[in-house]
Amino acid sequence: LLCFLSFFLDGRAQVLLKQSQASISRRQTTTARIECIAEGIPNFQSVNIHWYRQIPSKAPERILYIGSGQAYYDHDSYRTKYSSLKKGPNVCTFSVNNINSNDEATYYCAYW
């Protein structure tokens, strides 16, 4: 499943974020990884990429964002459950560790 997100930044440049996987289910392995491939973001390594989780019938919740190297978590308890890193000129990965039924949700990346 490939998820696309695009929008206009300041009315000029188009940004496109492509995710390799849009949701997580119990049938997957212990650690699930999602890649977010960005197009149209200058200086990708220095911008903030945000990762969100949305549980059905609940509002989206930001888990973390990553800028120049280090990830910043919205709650300290997320540090062992989730991780993110940037690789190459335009790829950001997100991992969910020790997945279980409570992790069933839609996960997505965002740039703003």
N, C-alpha and C. Protein backbone atom coordinates (compact mmCIF):
# COMPACT_ATOMS: atom_id res chain seq x y z
N LEU A 1 0.86 -1.18 0.00
CA LEU A 1 0.00 0.00 0.00
C LEU A 1 0.89 1.22 0.00
N LEU A 2 0.66 2.11 -0.92
CA LEU A 2 1.45 3.33 -1.04
C LEU A 2 0.55 4.51 -0.76
N CYS A 3 0.94 5.34 0.16
CA CYS A 3 0.14 6.48 0.55
C CYS A 3 0.81 7.76 0.05
N PHE A 4 0.06 8.64 -0.56
CA PHE A 4 0.60 9.88 -1.10
C PHE A 4 0.05 11.07 -0.33
N LEU A 5 0.91 12.04 -0.08
CA LEU A 5 0.50 13.28 0.55
C LEU A 5 1.22 14.41 -0.17
N SER A 6 0.48 15.33 -0.71
CA SER A 6 1.13 16.46 -1.37
C SER A 6 0.40 17.74 -1.03
N PHE A 7 1.14 18.84 -1.01
CA PHE A 7 0.56 20.13 -0.75
C PHE A 7 1.50 21.22 -1.26
N PHE A 8 1.02 22.45 -1.24
CA PHE A 8 1.84 23.56 -1.70
C PHE A 8 2.39 24.31 -0.51
N LEU A 9 3.65 24.68 -0.58
CA LEU A 9 4.33 25.40 0.47
C LEU A 9 4.51 26.84 0.00
N ASP A 10 3.91 27.78 0.71
CA ASP A 10 3.97 29.20 0.34
C ASP A 10 3.48 29.43 -1.09
N GLY A 11 2.63 28.55 -1.61
CA GLY A 11 2.08 28.73 -2.93
C GLY A 11 3.06 28.51 -4.06
N ARG A 12 4.27 28.03 -3.79
CA ARG A 12 5.29 27.90 -4.82
C ARG A 12 5.69 26.45 -5.08
N ALA A 13 6.41 25.88 -4.14
CA ALA A 13 6.99 24.56 -4.37
C ALA A 13 6.02 23.46 -3.96
N GLN A 14 5.94 22.44 -4.76
CA GLN A 14 5.11 21.30 -4.40
C GLN A 14 5.96 20.29 -3.66
N VAL A 15 5.43 19.81 -2.56
CA VAL A 15 6.10 18.80 -1.74
C VAL A 15 5.29 17.52 -1.84
N LEU A 16 5.97 16.41 -2.02
CA LEU A 16 5.32 15.11 -2.10
C LEU A 16 5.99 14.18 -1.12
N LEU A 17 5.20 13.56 -0.23
CA LEU A 17 5.69 12.56 0.71
C LEU A 17 5.05 11.22 0.35
N LYS A 18 5.87 10.21 0.10
CA LYS A 18 5.37 8.87 -0.24
C LYS A 18 5.74 7.93 0.90
N GLN A 19 4.77 7.20 1.39
CA GLN A 19 5.02 6.23 2.46
C GLN A 19 5.02 4.83 1.89
N SER A 20 5.95 4.02 2.38
CA SER A 20 6.03 2.64 1.92
C SER A 20 4.93 1.78 2.53
N GLN A 21 4.41 2.18 3.70
CA GLN A 21 3.41 1.40 4.40
C GLN A 21 2.56 2.35 5.22
N ALA A 22 1.27 2.21 5.17
CA ALA A 22 0.40 3.18 5.82
C ALA A 22 -0.19 2.72 7.13
N SER A 23 -0.19 1.42 7.43
CA SER A 23 -0.78 0.97 8.69
C SER A 23 -0.03 -0.24 9.22
N ILE A 24 -0.32 -0.56 10.46
CA ILE A 24 0.34 -1.69 11.13
C ILE A 24 -0.73 -2.60 11.69
N SER A 25 -0.53 -3.90 11.54
CA SER A 25 -1.49 -4.86 12.11
C SER A 25 -0.74 -5.91 12.93
N ARG A 26 -1.46 -6.68 13.69
CA ARG A 26 -0.86 -7.70 14.55
C ARG A 26 -0.15 -8.80 13.78
N ARG A 27 -0.44 -8.95 12.52
CA ARG A 27 0.12 -10.06 11.76
C ARG A 27 1.56 -9.81 11.32
N GLN A 28 2.08 -8.65 11.58
CA GLN A 28 3.44 -8.34 11.13
C GLN A 28 4.48 -8.77 12.16
N THR A 29 5.75 -8.63 11.78
CA THR A 29 6.84 -9.04 12.66
C THR A 29 6.95 -8.13 13.87
N THR A 30 7.87 -8.46 14.76
CA THR A 30 8.02 -7.75 16.02
C THR A 30 8.27 -6.25 15.84
N THR A 31 9.10 -5.88 14.89
CA THR A 31 9.36 -4.46 14.61
C THR A 31 8.85 -4.14 13.22
N ALA A 32 8.06 -3.09 13.12
CA ALA A 32 7.56 -2.64 11.83
C ALA A 32 8.26 -1.34 11.46
N ARG A 33 8.64 -1.22 10.19
CA ARG A 33 9.30 -0.01 9.70
C ARG A 33 8.50 0.60 8.56
N ILE A 34 8.46 1.90 8.55
CA ILE A 34 7.78 2.65 7.50
C ILE A 34 8.79 3.63 6.94
N GLU A 35 8.85 3.74 5.63
CA GLU A 35 9.71 4.73 5.00
C GLU A 35 8.87 5.87 4.46
N CYS A 36 9.37 7.07 4.64
CA CYS A 36 8.75 8.27 4.08
C CYS A 36 9.76 8.86 3.10
N ILE A 37 9.41 8.88 1.83
CA ILE A 37 10.30 9.40 0.79
C ILE A 37 9.79 10.78 0.41
N ALA A 38 10.64 11.77 0.56
CA ALA A 38 10.25 13.16 0.33
C ALA A 38 10.77 13.66 -1.01
N GLU A 39 9.93 14.41 -1.69
CA GLU A 39 10.33 15.07 -2.93
C GLU A 39 9.98 16.55 -2.81
N GLY A 40 10.87 17.40 -3.26
CA GLY A 40 10.60 18.83 -3.27
C GLY A 40 10.91 19.55 -1.97
N ILE A 41 11.65 18.92 -1.06
CA ILE A 41 12.03 19.57 0.19
C ILE A 41 13.52 19.90 0.12
N PRO A 42 13.85 21.18 -0.03
CA PRO A 42 15.28 21.54 -0.04
C PRO A 42 15.86 21.36 1.37
N ASN A 43 17.12 21.01 1.44
CA ASN A 43 17.80 20.82 2.73
C ASN A 43 17.07 19.81 3.62
N PHE A 44 16.69 18.69 3.03
CA PHE A 44 15.90 17.68 3.73
C PHE A 44 16.50 17.29 5.09
N GLN A 45 17.81 17.15 5.16
CA GLN A 45 18.45 16.71 6.41
C GLN A 45 18.24 17.68 7.56
N SER A 46 17.95 18.94 7.28
CA SER A 46 17.81 19.92 8.36
C SER A 46 16.36 20.28 8.69
N VAL A 47 15.39 19.82 7.90
CA VAL A 47 13.98 20.15 8.19
C VAL A 47 13.37 19.12 9.15
N ASN A 48 12.27 19.50 9.78
CA ASN A 48 11.57 18.60 10.69
C ASN A 48 10.56 17.74 9.93
N ILE A 49 10.67 16.43 10.12
CA ILE A 49 9.68 15.48 9.62
C ILE A 49 8.94 14.95 10.85
N HIS A 50 7.62 15.03 10.82
CA HIS A 50 6.77 14.64 11.94
C HIS A 50 6.14 13.28 11.66
N TRP A 51 5.99 12.47 12.70
CA TRP A 51 5.32 11.17 12.58
C TRP A 51 4.10 11.16 13.49
N TYR A 52 2.97 10.75 12.92
CA TYR A 52 1.69 10.72 13.61
C TYR A 52 1.12 9.31 13.62
N ARG A 53 0.26 9.09 14.61
CA ARG A 53 -0.50 7.84 14.70
C ARG A 53 -1.96 8.22 14.82
N GLN A 54 -2.81 7.50 14.08
CA GLN A 54 -4.25 7.72 14.22
C GLN A 54 -4.94 6.39 14.46
N ILE A 55 -5.55 6.29 15.62
CA ILE A 55 -6.35 5.12 15.98
C ILE A 55 -7.77 5.39 15.47
N PRO A 56 -8.44 4.39 14.90
CA PRO A 56 -9.80 4.62 14.38
C PRO A 56 -10.70 5.33 15.39
N SER A 57 -11.43 6.30 14.92
CA SER A 57 -12.38 7.14 15.66
C SER A 57 -11.72 8.02 16.73
N LYS A 58 -10.40 8.24 16.61
CA LYS A 58 -9.70 9.16 17.51
C LYS A 58 -8.94 10.17 16.67
N ALA A 59 -8.61 11.28 17.28
CA ALA A 59 -7.85 12.33 16.59
C ALA A 59 -6.41 11.86 16.37
N PRO A 60 -5.76 12.35 15.32
CA PRO A 60 -4.35 12.02 15.11
C PRO A 60 -3.51 12.52 16.29
N GLU A 61 -2.45 11.78 16.60
CA GLU A 61 -1.57 12.12 17.71
C GLU A 61 -0.14 12.12 17.20
N ARG A 62 0.58 13.22 17.42
CA ARG A 62 1.98 13.24 17.02
C ARG A 62 2.80 12.42 18.00
N ILE A 63 3.67 11.58 17.46
CA ILE A 63 4.53 10.75 18.28
C ILE A 63 5.89 11.40 18.45
N LEU A 64 6.45 11.89 17.33
CA LEU A 64 7.78 12.48 17.38
C LEU A 64 8.01 13.33 16.14
N TYR A 65 9.10 14.08 16.19
CA TYR A 65 9.60 14.72 14.97
C TYR A 65 11.11 14.61 14.98
N ILE A 66 11.69 14.61 13.80
CA ILE A 66 13.13 14.49 13.67
C ILE A 66 13.63 15.60 12.76
N GLY A 67 14.68 16.27 13.21
CA GLY A 67 15.30 17.34 12.44
C GLY A 67 16.66 16.90 11.95
N SER A 68 17.68 17.58 12.40
CA SER A 68 19.06 17.27 12.00
C SER A 68 19.65 16.18 12.88
N GLY A 69 19.18 14.98 12.74
CA GLY A 69 19.78 13.86 13.46
C GLY A 69 18.94 13.30 14.59
N GLN A 70 18.69 14.07 15.62
CA GLN A 70 18.03 13.57 16.82
C GLN A 70 16.51 13.64 16.70
N ALA A 71 15.84 12.61 17.23
CA ALA A 71 14.38 12.61 17.29
C ALA A 71 13.93 13.24 18.60
N TYR A 72 12.83 13.98 18.54
CA TYR A 72 12.24 14.62 19.72
C TYR A 72 10.85 14.02 19.92
N TYR A 73 10.65 13.44 21.10
CA TYR A 73 9.43 12.69 21.39
C TYR A 73 8.42 13.55 22.13
N ASP A 74 7.12 13.37 21.80
CA ASP A 74 6.08 14.12 22.48
C ASP A 74 5.84 13.60 23.90
N HIS A 75 6.18 12.35 24.17
CA HIS A 75 6.10 11.77 25.51
C HIS A 75 7.34 10.92 25.74
N ASP A 76 7.91 10.97 26.93
CA ASP A 76 9.10 10.18 27.23
C ASP A 76 8.87 8.69 27.05
N SER A 77 7.65 8.24 27.30
CA SER A 77 7.35 6.81 27.19
C SER A 77 7.49 6.30 25.76
N TYR A 78 7.48 7.19 24.77
CA TYR A 78 7.60 6.80 23.37
C TYR A 78 9.02 6.41 22.98
N ARG A 79 10.00 6.78 23.78
CA ARG A 79 11.41 6.57 23.40
C ARG A 79 11.78 5.11 23.17
N THR A 80 11.19 4.20 23.90
CA THR A 80 11.51 2.78 23.71
C THR A 80 10.60 2.12 22.68
N LYS A 81 9.45 2.71 22.44
CA LYS A 81 8.47 2.12 21.52
C LYS A 81 8.72 2.53 20.06
N TYR A 82 9.12 3.78 19.84
CA TYR A 82 9.24 4.33 18.49
C TYR A 82 10.64 4.89 18.26
N SER A 83 11.06 4.87 17.00
CA SER A 83 12.32 5.51 16.64
C SER A 83 12.24 5.99 15.19
N SER A 84 13.10 6.94 14.87
CA SER A 84 13.11 7.49 13.52
C SER A 84 14.52 7.92 13.18
N LEU A 85 14.86 7.83 11.90
CA LEU A 85 16.13 8.34 11.43
C LEU A 85 16.01 8.73 9.97
N LYS A 86 16.89 9.64 9.57
CA LYS A 86 16.93 10.06 8.17
C LYS A 86 18.10 9.37 7.51
N LYS A 87 17.88 8.94 6.27
CA LYS A 87 18.97 8.32 5.53
C LYS A 87 18.95 8.82 4.10
N GLY A 88 20.11 9.07 3.58
CA GLY A 88 20.19 9.58 2.22
C GLY A 88 19.65 11.00 2.12
N PRO A 89 19.48 11.46 0.91
CA PRO A 89 19.05 12.86 0.72
C PRO A 89 17.57 13.11 0.91
N ASN A 90 16.73 12.04 1.03
CA ASN A 90 15.29 12.30 1.08
C ASN A 90 14.45 11.20 1.73
N VAL A 91 15.04 10.34 2.55
CA VAL A 91 14.28 9.23 3.16
C VAL A 91 14.31 9.35 4.68
N CYS A 92 13.15 9.21 5.29
CA CYS A 92 13.03 9.18 6.74
C CYS A 92 12.33 7.88 7.12
N THR A 93 12.92 7.12 8.03
CA THR A 93 12.30 5.87 8.46
C THR A 93 11.69 6.03 9.85
N PHE A 94 10.68 5.24 10.11
CA PHE A 94 9.98 5.24 11.39
C PHE A 94 9.80 3.78 11.79
N SER A 95 10.13 3.45 13.03
CA SER A 95 10.01 2.07 13.51
C SER A 95 9.11 2.00 14.73
N VAL A 96 8.33 0.93 14.78
CA VAL A 96 7.50 0.61 15.94
C VAL A 96 8.05 -0.70 16.48
N ASN A 97 8.55 -0.67 17.71
CA ASN A 97 9.19 -1.84 18.31
C ASN A 97 8.22 -2.66 19.15
N ASN A 98 8.45 -3.96 19.18
CA ASN A 98 7.63 -4.88 19.99
C ASN A 98 6.14 -4.66 19.77
N ILE A 99 5.74 -4.75 18.51
CA ILE A 99 4.35 -4.44 18.21
C ILE A 99 3.39 -5.45 18.84
N ASN A 100 2.21 -4.94 19.19
CA ASN A 100 1.15 -5.77 19.74
C ASN A 100 -0.19 -5.18 19.29
N SER A 101 -1.28 -5.71 19.77
CA SER A 101 -2.60 -5.28 19.30
C SER A 101 -2.88 -3.80 19.60
N ASN A 102 -2.26 -3.25 20.61
CA ASN A 102 -2.46 -1.83 20.93
C ASN A 102 -1.84 -0.90 19.90
N ASP A 103 -0.99 -1.44 19.04
CA ASP A 103 -0.30 -0.62 18.03
C ASP A 103 -1.08 -0.53 16.72
N GLU A 104 -2.22 -1.19 16.64
CA GLU A 104 -3.00 -1.13 15.40
C GLU A 104 -3.52 0.28 15.20
N ALA A 105 -3.06 0.89 14.11
CA ALA A 105 -3.39 2.28 13.81
C ALA A 105 -2.88 2.61 12.43
N THR A 106 -3.16 3.81 11.98
CA THR A 106 -2.56 4.33 10.75
C THR A 106 -1.46 5.29 11.18
N TYR A 107 -0.28 5.11 10.62
CA TYR A 107 0.88 5.94 10.93
C TYR A 107 1.25 6.73 9.66
N TYR A 108 1.57 7.99 9.84
CA TYR A 108 1.94 8.76 8.66
C TYR A 108 2.94 9.86 8.99
N CYS A 109 3.69 10.24 7.97
CA CYS A 109 4.67 11.30 8.09
C CYS A 109 4.07 12.61 7.60
N ALA A 110 4.62 13.71 8.08
CA ALA A 110 4.16 15.04 7.65
C ALA A 110 5.32 16.01 7.70
N TYR A 111 5.20 17.05 6.90
CA TYR A 111 6.20 18.13 6.85
C TYR A 111 5.43 19.44 6.84
N TRP A 112 5.78 20.32 7.77
CA TRP A 112 5.15 21.64 7.81
C TRP A 112 6.06 22.62 8.51
